[in-house]
Amino acid sequence: MTIKQWIEFILDNKCPILNLEFKSGLANRDNLPTLDKLVPHKGYVWGNVQIISFKANAYKSNMSLKQIKKLYNYMKKNISKTDLHKEK
């Protein structure tokens, strides 16, 4: 995380990946801010962390970049553009 990203986090109060507003409380689990390691084996060190929503962190932690690309390409190919625009 850079100084700029930290300032944006404080000012925006939104997940930079899913654009969800950060909220507190267990009822808002998907919107909770979480500390995420960009490269897991480097640990929680300055420059290797970001603040993202629980939901984005769950997606990210369960899939490799290669798997995310495969999923994206599959969805892009098989879901009509109209359906994609219905997403919030």
PDB file of N, CA and C in Angstrom:
ATOM      1  N   MET A   1       0.857  -1.171   0.000  1.00  0.00           N
ATOM      2  CA  MET A   1       0.000   0.000   0.000  1.00  0.00           C
ATOM      3  C   MET A   1       0.901   1.232   0.000  1.00  0.00           C
ATOM      4  N   THR A   2       0.584   2.146  -0.854  1.00  0.00           N
ATOM      5  CA  THR A   2       1.350   3.390  -0.920  1.00  0.00           C
ATOM      6  C   THR A   2       0.649   4.452  -0.075  1.00  0.00           C
ATOM      7  N   ILE A   3       1.336   5.541   0.163  1.00  0.00           N
ATOM      8  CA  ILE A   3       0.732   6.661   0.899  1.00  0.00           C
ATOM      9  C   ILE A   3      -0.519   7.138   0.162  1.00  0.00           C
ATOM     10  N   LYS A   4      -0.433   7.221  -1.159  1.00  0.00           N
ATOM     11  CA  LYS A   4      -1.574   7.662  -1.970  1.00  0.00           C
ATOM     12  C   LYS A   4      -2.765   6.717  -1.774  1.00  0.00           C
ATOM     13  N   GLN A   5      -2.505   5.397  -1.795  1.00  0.00           N
ATOM     14  CA  GLN A   5      -3.589   4.429  -1.600  1.00  0.00           C
ATOM     15  C   GLN A   5      -4.201   4.558  -0.212  1.00  0.00           C
ATOM     16  N   TRP A   6      -3.378   4.817   0.803  1.00  0.00           N
ATOM     17  CA  TRP A   6      -3.876   4.983   2.165  1.00  0.00           C
ATOM     18  C   TRP A   6      -4.804   6.192   2.247  1.00  0.00           C
ATOM     19  N   ILE A   7      -4.393   7.290   1.640  1.00  0.00           N
ATOM     20  CA  ILE A   7      -5.218   8.505   1.630  1.00  0.00           C
ATOM     21  C   ILE A   7      -6.522   8.256   0.885  1.00  0.00           C
ATOM     22  N   GLU A   8      -6.451   7.568  -0.266  1.00  0.00           N
ATOM     23  CA  GLU A   8      -7.669   7.253  -1.026  1.00  0.00           C
ATOM     24  C   GLU A   8      -8.609   6.380  -0.206  1.00  0.00           C
ATOM     25  N   PHE A   9      -8.046   5.430   0.539  1.00  0.00           N
ATOM     26  CA  PHE A   9      -8.870   4.563   1.385  1.00  0.00           C
ATOM     27  C   PHE A   9      -9.635   5.395   2.408  1.00  0.00           C
ATOM     28  N   ILE A  10      -8.932   6.311   3.057  1.00  0.00           N
ATOM     29  CA  ILE A  10      -9.558   7.141   4.089  1.00  0.00           C
ATOM     30  C   ILE A  10     -10.626   8.050   3.480  1.00  0.00           C
ATOM     31  N   LEU A  11     -10.334   8.645   2.337  1.00  0.00           N
ATOM     32  CA  LEU A  11     -11.275   9.588   1.720  1.00  0.00           C
ATOM     33  C   LEU A  11     -12.447   8.894   1.033  1.00  0.00           C
ATOM     34  N   ASP A  12     -12.171   7.815   0.309  1.00  0.00           N
ATOM     35  CA  ASP A  12     -13.215   7.147  -0.471  1.00  0.00           C
ATOM     36  C   ASP A  12     -14.086   6.208   0.352  1.00  0.00           C
ATOM     37  N   ASN A  13     -13.473   5.495   1.291  1.00  0.00           N
ATOM     38  CA  ASN A  13     -14.181   4.514   2.104  1.00  0.00           C
ATOM     39  C   ASN A  13     -14.877   3.458   1.239  1.00  0.00           C
ATOM     40  N   LYS A  14     -14.219   3.067   0.134  1.00  0.00           N
ATOM     41  CA  LYS A  14     -14.776   2.057  -0.775  1.00  0.00           C
ATOM     42  C   LYS A  14     -13.715   1.050  -1.170  1.00  0.00           C
ATOM     43  N   CYS A  15     -14.168  -0.152  -1.460  1.00  0.00           N
ATOM     44  CA  CYS A  15     -13.277  -1.199  -1.957  1.00  0.00           C
ATOM     45  C   CYS A  15     -12.808  -0.807  -3.359  1.00  0.00           C
ATOM     46  N   PRO A  16     -11.491  -0.766  -3.605  1.00  0.00           N
ATOM     47  CA  PRO A  16     -10.999  -0.368  -4.915  1.00  0.00           C
ATOM     48  C   PRO A  16     -11.275  -1.405  -6.012  1.00  0.00           C
ATOM     49  N   ILE A  17     -11.630  -2.619  -5.620  1.00  0.00           N
ATOM     50  CA  ILE A  17     -11.892  -3.673  -6.607  1.00  0.00           C
ATOM     51  C   ILE A  17     -13.373  -3.727  -6.974  1.00  0.00           C
ATOM     52  N   LEU A  18     -14.232  -3.811  -5.969  1.00  0.00           N
ATOM     53  CA  LEU A  18     -15.673  -3.981  -6.207  1.00  0.00           C
ATOM     54  C   LEU A  18     -16.484  -2.707  -6.025  1.00  0.00           C
ATOM     55  N   ASN A  19     -15.842  -1.641  -5.603  1.00  0.00           N
ATOM     56  CA  ASN A  19     -16.491  -0.349  -5.399  1.00  0.00           C
ATOM     57  C   ASN A  19     -17.596  -0.408  -4.339  1.00  0.00           C
ATOM     58  N   LEU A  20     -17.483  -1.351  -3.407  1.00  0.00           N
ATOM     59  CA  LEU A  20     -18.448  -1.455  -2.309  1.00  0.00           C
ATOM     60  C   LEU A  20     -18.059  -0.476  -1.216  1.00  0.00           C
ATOM     61  N   GLU A  21     -19.044   0.196  -0.626  1.00  0.00           N
ATOM     62  CA  GLU A  21     -18.763   1.077   0.501  1.00  0.00           C
ATOM     63  C   GLU A  21     -18.405   0.211   1.703  1.00  0.00           C
ATOM     64  N   PHE A  22     -17.302   0.543   2.379  1.00  0.00           N
ATOM     65  CA  PHE A  22     -16.926  -0.199   3.572  1.00  0.00           C
ATOM     66  C   PHE A  22     -17.934   0.074   4.676  1.00  0.00           C
ATOM     67  N   LYS A  23     -18.318  -0.991   5.387  1.00  0.00           N
ATOM     68  CA  LYS A  23     -19.250  -0.887   6.505  1.00  0.00           C
ATOM     69  C   LYS A  23     -18.709  -1.736   7.648  1.00  0.00           C
ATOM     70  N   SER A  24     -19.233  -1.510   8.822  1.00  0.00           N
ATOM     71  CA  SER A  24     -18.819  -2.293   9.978  1.00  0.00           C
ATOM     72  C   SER A  24     -19.946  -3.208  10.417  1.00  0.00           C
ATOM     73  N   GLY A  25     -19.615  -4.166  11.258  1.00  0.00           N
ATOM     74  CA  GLY A  25     -20.620  -5.063  11.810  1.00  0.00           C
ATOM     75  C   GLY A  25     -20.749  -6.358  11.029  1.00  0.00           C
ATOM     76  N   LEU A  26     -21.039  -7.421  11.750  1.00  0.00           N
ATOM     77  CA  LEU A  26     -21.128  -8.741  11.124  1.00  0.00           C
ATOM     78  C   LEU A  26     -22.248  -8.843  10.094  1.00  0.00           C
ATOM     79  N   ALA A  27     -23.278  -8.036  10.223  1.00  0.00           N
ATOM     80  CA  ALA A  27     -24.372  -8.058   9.250  1.00  0.00           C
ATOM     81  C   ALA A  27     -23.908  -7.546   7.886  1.00  0.00           C
ATOM     82  N   ASN A  28     -22.781  -6.850   7.870  1.00  0.00           N
ATOM     83  CA  ASN A  28     -22.235  -6.289   6.634  1.00  0.00           C
ATOM     84  C   ASN A  28     -20.926  -6.984   6.244  1.00  0.00           C
ATOM     85  N   ARG A  29     -20.842  -8.262   6.489  1.00  0.00           N
ATOM     86  CA  ARG A  29     -19.593  -9.015   6.306  1.00  0.00           C
ATOM     87  C   ARG A  29     -18.926  -8.759   4.960  1.00  0.00           C
ATOM     88  N   ASP A  30     -19.669  -8.807   3.874  1.00  0.00           N
ATOM     89  CA  ASP A  30     -19.079  -8.622   2.550  1.00  0.00           C
ATOM     90  C   ASP A  30     -18.428  -7.250   2.390  1.00  0.00           C
ATOM     91  N   ASN A  31     -18.910  -6.270   3.137  1.00  0.00           N
ATOM     92  CA  ASN A  31     -18.430  -4.893   3.010  1.00  0.00           C
ATOM     93  C   ASN A  31     -17.380  -4.513   4.055  1.00  0.00           C
ATOM     94  N   LEU A  32     -16.988  -5.450   4.890  1.00  0.00           N
ATOM     95  CA  LEU A  32     -15.957  -5.148   5.884  1.00  0.00           C
ATOM     96  C   LEU A  32     -14.621  -4.911   5.196  1.00  0.00           C
ATOM     97  N   PRO A  33     -13.852  -3.908   5.636  1.00  0.00           N
ATOM     98  CA  PRO A  33     -12.515  -3.718   5.071  1.00  0.00           C
ATOM     99  C   PRO A  33     -11.574  -4.793   5.617  1.00  0.00           C
ATOM    100  N   THR A  34     -10.732  -5.345   4.762  1.00  0.00           N
ATOM    101  CA  THR A  34      -9.748  -6.346   5.178  1.00  0.00           C
ATOM    102  C   THR A  34      -8.379  -5.960   4.625  1.00  0.00           C
ATOM    103  N   LEU A  35      -7.361  -6.376   5.338  1.00  0.00           N
ATOM    104  CA  LEU A  35      -5.991  -6.152   4.902  1.00  0.00           C
ATOM    105  C   LEU A  35      -5.571  -7.352   4.070  1.00  0.00           C
ATOM    106  N   ASP A  36      -5.167  -7.113   2.834  1.00  0.00           N
ATOM    107  CA  ASP A  36      -4.851  -8.174   1.886  1.00  0.00           C
ATOM    108  C   ASP A  36      -3.394  -8.083   1.461  1.00  0.00           C
ATOM    109  N   LYS A  37      -2.743  -9.252   1.372  1.00  0.00           N
ATOM    110  CA  LYS A  37      -1.377  -9.317   0.861  1.00  0.00           C
ATOM    111  C   LYS A  37      -1.435  -9.469  -0.655  1.00  0.00           C
ATOM    112  N   LEU A  38      -0.746  -8.612  -1.384  1.00  0.00           N
ATOM    113  CA  LEU A  38      -0.704  -8.721  -2.842  1.00  0.00           C
ATOM    114  C   LEU A  38       0.030  -9.989  -3.254  1.00  0.00           C
ATOM    115  N   VAL A  39       1.193 -10.224  -2.664  1.00  0.00           N
ATOM    116  CA  VAL A  39       1.979 -11.437  -2.906  1.00  0.00           C
ATOM    117  C   VAL A  39       2.059 -12.157  -1.559  1.00  0.00           C
ATOM    118  N   PRO A  40       1.287 -13.233  -1.396  1.00  0.00           N
ATOM    119  CA  PRO A  40       1.161 -13.869  -0.084  1.00  0.00           C
ATOM    120  C   PRO A  40       2.482 -14.213   0.614  1.00  0.00           C
ATOM    121  N   HIS A  41       3.454 -14.735  -0.104  1.00  0.00           N
ATOM    122  CA  HIS A  41       4.690 -15.172   0.561  1.00  0.00           C
ATOM    123  C   HIS A  41       5.553 -14.011   1.060  1.00  0.00           C
ATOM    124  N   LYS A  42       5.256 -12.779   0.648  1.00  0.00           N
ATOM    125  CA  LYS A  42       6.019 -11.620   1.130  1.00  0.00           C
ATOM    126  C   LYS A  42       5.527 -11.123   2.478  1.00  0.00           C
ATOM    127  N   GLY A  43       4.343 -11.540   2.886  1.00  0.00           N
ATOM    128  CA  GLY A  43       3.825 -11.156   4.187  1.00  0.00           C
ATOM    129  C   GLY A  43       3.201  -9.771   4.219  1.00  0.00           C
ATOM    130  N   TYR A  44       2.837  -9.363   5.429  1.00  0.00           N
ATOM    131  CA  TYR A  44       2.191  -8.067   5.639  1.00  0.00           C
ATOM    132  C   TYR A  44       3.265  -6.993   5.831  1.00  0.00           C
ATOM    133  N   VAL A  45       3.835  -6.543   4.735  1.00  0.00           N
ATOM    134  CA  VAL A  45       4.847  -5.496   4.766  1.00  0.00           C
ATOM    135  C   VAL A  45       4.399  -4.341   3.882  1.00  0.00           C
ATOM    136  N   TRP A  46       4.901  -3.137   4.221  1.00  0.00           N
ATOM    137  CA  TRP A  46       4.558  -1.942   3.463  1.00  0.00           C
ATOM    138  C   TRP A  46       4.849  -2.174   1.986  1.00  0.00           C
ATOM    139  N   GLY A  47       3.926  -1.821   1.116  1.00  0.00           N
ATOM    140  CA  GLY A  47       4.089  -2.004  -0.318  1.00  0.00           C
ATOM    141  C   GLY A  47       3.525  -3.320  -0.823  1.00  0.00           C
ATOM    142  N   ASN A  48       3.183  -4.231   0.109  1.00  0.00           N
ATOM    143  CA  ASN A  48       2.628  -5.525  -0.288  1.00  0.00           C
ATOM    144  C   ASN A  48       1.235  -5.738   0.288  1.00  0.00           C
ATOM    145  N   VAL A  49       0.618  -4.671   0.771  1.00  0.00           N
ATOM    146  CA  VAL A  49      -0.726  -4.807   1.327  1.00  0.00           C
ATOM    147  C   VAL A  49      -1.669  -3.787   0.699  1.00  0.00           C
ATOM    148  N   GLN A  50      -2.931  -4.139   0.739  1.00  0.00           N
ATOM    149  CA  GLN A  50      -3.977  -3.234   0.269  1.00  0.00           C
ATOM    150  C   GLN A  50      -5.195  -3.465   1.142  1.00  0.00           C
ATOM    151  N   ILE A  51      -6.068  -2.491   1.202  1.00  0.00           N
ATOM    152  CA  ILE A  51      -7.320  -2.636   1.948  1.00  0.00           C
ATOM    153  C   ILE A  51      -8.426  -2.836   0.926  1.00  0.00           C
ATOM    154  N   ILE A  52      -9.046  -4.020   0.996  1.00  0.00           N
ATOM    155  CA  ILE A  52     -10.130  -4.373   0.079  1.00  0.00           C
ATOM    156  C   ILE A  52     -11.273  -4.968   0.900  1.00  0.00           C
ATOM    157  N   SER A  53     -12.428  -5.097   0.294  1.00  0.00           N
ATOM    158  CA  SER A  53     -13.585  -5.647   0.998  1.00  0.00           C
ATOM    159  C   SER A  53     -13.393  -7.138   1.271  1.00  0.00           C
ATOM    160  N   PHE A  54     -14.092  -7.617   2.290  1.00  0.00           N
ATOM    161  CA  PHE A  54     -14.069  -9.039   2.615  1.00  0.00           C
ATOM    162  C   PHE A  54     -14.450  -9.870   1.390  1.00  0.00           C
ATOM    163  N   LYS A  55     -15.461  -9.391   0.668  1.00  0.00           N
ATOM    164  CA  LYS A  55     -15.948 -10.122  -0.511  1.00  0.00           C
ATOM    165  C   LYS A  55     -14.849 -10.230  -1.579  1.00  0.00           C
ATOM    166  N   ALA A  56     -14.175  -9.114  -1.887  1.00  0.00           N
ATOM    167  CA  ALA A  56     -13.099  -9.135  -2.878  1.00  0.00           C
ATOM    168  C   ALA A  56     -11.943 -10.004  -2.397  1.00  0.00           C
ATOM    169  N   ASN A  57     -11.643  -9.931  -1.107  1.00  0.00           N
ATOM    170  CA  ASN A  57     -10.559 -10.725  -0.549  1.00  0.00           C
ATOM    171  C   ASN A  57     -10.880 -12.216  -0.637  1.00  0.00           C
ATOM    172  N   ALA A  58     -12.134 -12.581  -0.392  1.00  0.00           N
ATOM    173  CA  ALA A  58     -12.550 -13.981  -0.491  1.00  0.00           C
ATOM    174  C   ALA A  58     -12.410 -14.475  -1.928  1.00  0.00           C
ATOM    175  N   TYR A  59     -12.858 -13.672  -2.889  1.00  0.00           N
ATOM    176  CA  TYR A  59     -12.701 -14.051  -4.298  1.00  0.00           C
ATOM    177  C   TYR A  59     -11.231 -14.243  -4.627  1.00  0.00           C
ATOM    178  N   LYS A  60     -10.427 -13.273  -4.235  1.00  0.00           N
ATOM    179  CA  LYS A  60      -9.013 -13.265  -4.570  1.00  0.00           C
ATOM    180  C   LYS A  60      -8.273 -14.425  -3.903  1.00  0.00           C
ATOM    181  N   SER A  61      -8.602 -14.717  -2.663  1.00  0.00           N
ATOM    182  CA  SER A  61      -7.856 -15.739  -1.935  1.00  0.00           C
ATOM    183  C   SER A  61      -8.194 -17.152  -2.378  1.00  0.00           C
ATOM    184  N   ASN A  62      -9.332 -17.326  -3.011  1.00  0.00           N
ATOM    185  CA  ASN A  62      -9.743 -18.661  -3.424  1.00  0.00           C
ATOM    186  C   ASN A  62      -9.364 -19.007  -4.857  1.00  0.00           C
ATOM    187  N   MET A  63      -8.785 -18.062  -5.595  1.00  0.00           N
ATOM    188  CA  MET A  63      -8.444 -18.315  -6.989  1.00  0.00           C
ATOM    189  C   MET A  63      -7.065 -17.746  -7.318  1.00  0.00           C
ATOM    190  N   SER A  64      -6.359 -18.453  -8.175  1.00  0.00           N
ATOM    191  CA  SER A  64      -5.089 -17.928  -8.670  1.00  0.00           C
ATOM    192  C   SER A  64      -5.391 -16.918  -9.779  1.00  0.00           C
ATOM    193  N   LEU A  65      -4.396 -16.131 -10.144  1.00  0.00           N
ATOM    194  CA  LEU A  65      -4.573 -15.171 -11.233  1.00  0.00           C
ATOM    195  C   LEU A  65      -4.952 -15.899 -12.524  1.00  0.00           C
ATOM    196  N   LYS A  66      -4.351 -17.044 -12.753  1.00  0.00           N
ATOM    197  CA  LYS A  66      -4.666 -17.834 -13.953  1.00  0.00           C
ATOM    198  C   LYS A  66      -6.140 -18.269 -13.933  1.00  0.00           C
ATOM    199  N   GLN A  67      -6.625 -18.688 -12.772  1.00  0.00           N
ATOM    200  CA  GLN A  67      -8.024 -19.102 -12.659  1.00  0.00           C
ATOM    201  C   GLN A  67      -8.962 -17.917 -12.842  1.00  0.00           C
ATOM    202  N   ILE A  68      -8.597 -16.768 -12.301  1.00  0.00           N
ATOM    203  CA  ILE A  68      -9.420 -15.566 -12.457  1.00  0.00           C
ATOM    204  C   ILE A  68      -9.508 -15.187 -13.931  1.00  0.00           C
ATOM    205  N   LYS A  69      -8.393 -15.269 -14.645  1.00  0.00           N
ATOM    206  CA  LYS A  69      -8.390 -14.965 -16.080  1.00  0.00           C
ATOM    207  C   LYS A  69      -9.270 -15.942 -16.853  1.00  0.00           C
ATOM    208  N   LYS A  70      -9.194 -17.218 -16.501  1.00  0.00           N
ATOM    209  CA  LYS A  70     -10.026 -18.223 -17.166  1.00  0.00           C
ATOM    210  C   LYS A  70     -11.511 -17.937 -16.922  1.00  0.00           C
ATOM    211  N   LEU A  71     -11.853 -17.612 -15.681  1.00  0.00           N
ATOM    212  CA  LEU A  71     -13.236 -17.293 -15.348  1.00  0.00           C
ATOM    213  C   LEU A  71     -13.707 -16.069 -16.120  1.00  0.00           C
ATOM    214  N   TYR A  72     -12.884 -15.031 -16.140  1.00  0.00           N
ATOM    215  CA  TYR A  72     -13.222 -13.801 -16.869  1.00  0.00           C
ATOM    216  C   TYR A  72     -13.450 -14.103 -18.352  1.00  0.00           C
ATOM    217  N   ASN A  73     -12.522 -14.828 -18.966  1.00  0.00           N
ATOM    218  CA  ASN A  73     -12.651 -15.139 -20.397  1.00  0.00           C
ATOM    219  C   ASN A  73     -13.898 -15.970 -20.677  1.00  0.00           C
ATOM    220  N   TYR A  74     -14.200 -16.923 -19.797  1.00  0.00           N
ATOM    221  CA  TYR A  74     -15.404 -17.735 -19.961  1.00  0.00           C
ATOM    222  C   TYR A  74     -16.657 -16.868 -19.877  1.00  0.00           C
ATOM    223  N   MET A  75     -16.712 -16.027 -18.860  1.00  0.00           N
ATOM    224  CA  MET A  75     -17.893 -15.182 -18.684  1.00  0.00           C
ATOM    225  C   MET A  75     -18.031 -14.193 -19.830  1.00  0.00           C
ATOM    226  N   LYS A  76     -16.937 -13.616 -20.260  1.00  0.00           N
ATOM    227  CA  LYS A  76     -16.972 -12.661 -21.368  1.00  0.00           C
ATOM    228  C   LYS A  76     -17.507 -13.326 -22.636  1.00  0.00           C
ATOM    229  N   LYS A  77     -17.124 -14.556 -22.849  1.00  0.00           N
ATOM    230  CA  LYS A  77     -17.537 -15.291 -24.046  1.00  0.00           C
ATOM    231  C   LYS A  77     -18.993 -15.766 -23.960  1.00  0.00           C
ATOM    232  N   ASN A  78     -19.444 -16.143 -22.775  1.00  0.00           N
ATOM    233  CA  ASN A  78     -20.726 -16.825 -22.645  1.00  0.00           C
ATOM    234  C   ASN A  78     -21.876 -16.014 -22.066  1.00  0.00           C
ATOM    235  N   ILE A  79     -21.611 -14.847 -21.584  1.00  0.00           N
ATOM    236  CA  ILE A  79     -22.685 -14.022 -21.029  1.00  0.00           C
ATOM    237  C   ILE A  79     -22.882 -12.821 -21.944  1.00  0.00           C
ATOM    238  N   SER A  80     -24.113 -12.585 -22.304  1.00  0.00           N
ATOM    239  CA  SER A  80     -24.383 -11.466 -23.209  1.00  0.00           C
ATOM    240  C   SER A  80     -24.032 -10.147 -22.540  1.00  0.00           C
ATOM    241  N   LYS A  81     -23.671  -9.170 -23.335  1.00  0.00           N
ATOM    242  CA  LYS A  81     -23.318  -7.848 -22.810  1.00  0.00           C
ATOM    243  C   LYS A  81     -24.494  -7.229 -22.059  1.00  0.00           C
ATOM    244  N   THR A  82     -25.711  -7.531 -22.462  1.00  0.00           N
ATOM    245  CA  THR A  82     -26.891  -7.014 -21.772  1.00  0.00           C
ATOM    246  C   THR A  82     -26.923  -7.515 -20.340  1.00  0.00           C
ATOM    247  N   ASP A  83     -26.651  -8.808 -20.159  1.00  0.00           N
ATOM    248  CA  ASP A  83     -26.656  -9.384 -18.812  1.00  0.00           C
ATOM    249  C   ASP A  83     -25.574  -8.777 -17.946  1.00  0.00           C
ATOM    250  N   LEU A  84     -24.409  -8.465 -18.503  1.00  0.00           N
ATOM    251  CA  LEU A  84     -23.318  -7.894 -17.737  1.00  0.00           C
ATOM    252  C   LEU A  84     -23.660  -6.508 -17.214  1.00  0.00           C
ATOM    253  N   HIS A  85     -24.450  -5.748 -17.944  1.00  0.00           N
ATOM    254  CA  HIS A  85     -24.800  -4.394 -17.524  1.00  0.00           C
ATOM    255  C   HIS A  85     -25.860  -4.369 -16.434  1.00  0.00           C
ATOM    256  N   LYS A  86     -26.470  -5.510 -16.113  1.00  0.00           N
ATOM    257  CA  LYS A  86     -27.462  -5.575 -15.047  1.00  0.00           C
ATOM    258  C   LYS A  86     -26.801  -5.584 -13.681  1.00  0.00           C
ATOM    259  N   GLU A  87     -25.499  -5.878 -13.644  1.00  0.00           N
ATOM    260  CA  GLU A  87     -24.764  -5.937 -12.385  1.00  0.00           C
ATOM    261  C   GLU A  87     -24.709  -4.569 -11.734  1.00  0.00           C
ATOM    262  N   LYS A  88     -24.779  -4.548 -10.410  1.00  0.00           N
ATOM    263  CA  LYS A  88     -24.709  -3.273  -9.670  1.00  0.00           C
ATOM    264  C   LYS A  88     -23.281  -2.859  -9.497  1.00  0.00           C
TER     265      LYS A  88
END
